[in-house]
Structure formats: structure tokens, C-alpha cells
């Protein structure tokens, strides 16, 4: 039996072969363009990331040493040694109020070694820290171990978010209390809010706490494990905040790149 291929059939076959080759070529080209675009986006993103990091590091570095400087002030030490001296406490409140105003921090306050606040810059306000116990906060616990405490959280008294630094107040080698400051985070966001780009900063648990997109704030990249959620709840880091996932999906790509899908759109995250 002899198979006869007509001229018309040959033309269709040639066209199909050409079409298949064209699709393959377009696929290779589009993949190459896509990969090149991601690499360029990664390079540009790293440059912007370095700018964000340097700015944030500069802001935090500006305040990092302030608690340590306050901790060696005898006014704080004497008040911790004489917490029932109303005149001394009142004088320290006014002193901390002045320090807070000059340094442009949100709050400055002194706690005893049980975490009870005995003096604060906001002593005249309705929601003063005085009388509140912050022993559950990690920055206090870290300072009580003799180290610089640092933490980001929403204030349980003020409901304002901020970055905290804390340092132990000592008499010889004994830690009598902790002095803490709270830094405004809103100004950091506002610095970049007018730029035609989005950025976010997450805490160690993967919760977004600084971002140019308000809808992303307090969201997570992925659902958090129960142990992490329990720890956040115990520290009261984000009170009355649901911490819902931000990303619809996170797909590892290549060269330390992840593709994160948010609300139907894609953003790139540098892995690591």
C-alpha cells in the first residue's frame, strides 16, 4: 500500500512544523526575557533595599545609645532606691518629660526590677505608663539580663506602634530597674510613602510592621504556627490584631528569588 501525500497536505504539514518551531522559539525567548527581567528587578530591588536599610538603621542607631546614657544618670538610680519619695518621683517625671521632648521620642519611662513603671515622660497624660507593669515585654526581660533590649510592638496602653530600646539601671552589679524609650515608626513610613514603589519590613516572626501600603500592615507572609502565635499573644505584641496571611502563594524560583502573589498581582521577594 502506497501513501500518497498531496501538495496541499505537504503545505499543511510544513505550516504545522513551522508553527511548532515558532511556539518553541517564542517560549524560549519569553522564558529568557522573564528570567532577565527578574534578575534586573532583583538588582534594582537590592539597591532600593540597601537605601531602606541604611535609612532605618540610621534612625534606630540615633536612639540606640539613649537608654544606656540615661541608665547611668543618678536621678534614675536614686528614684529606684527611694520609690516612695513623691518629690523625687515628681522631679524625675519632669526630667524624663524634658528628655523625651528634646530627643523626639514617643515615650521615656523607668521600671523597677519587677516591671512596674514608677516614672514616665507621659506622667500628665490620661493614659500614663505610671503604675503599669511591662514585665511581659521582651525588651524588659532582655534588659534584666544585663543587655540592650529592643523590640517592636503596638503599645498596650497607648495603642500606638513603636520601636523600643531598654537598658538596665544598676547599682554596682545589681540591676535595680530598666529605663526604656519608644520611637515613632510612622515617620519612617511617611519618608517613603510618596515614592512610586512599595516596601515592607517584617519582624522575626514574619509579621509586616512597616510598609508603604497600609493594607499590608500586620499581615504575615504565611500562616503562623500555633507556637509563634502563642508567643506573640503572651508578649502582647499585636493586641486585637488578626495577623492574617498577606500572600496568596509563595513559589520558590531560582537564584534566591521567590515569587509572592498578593491579591492577584505578583511581587518579588529576595529569599534568604
Foldseek 3Di string as FASTA:
>chain_A
DDDDADPVNVVVVVVVVVVVVVVVVVVVVVVVVVVVVVVVVVVVVVVVVVVLVVVVCVVCVLCQCVQVVVLADVLLVVCLVPLVPVVSQVVVLCVQLVVCVVSVFPKKFKAFLQQATSHIVCVVDPLDSHRPGQCLAQQQVQQQVQDWRWDWAQDPRPRATWIKTKHFRDDPPHGGIMMMTTHHPVVSLVVCLPDPDKDFDADPQQATPHISDVVRHREGQDDGDPVVVVSCVSSVRYPPGPRHHQFPDWADDDPQKIWTHGPNDIDIDRHD
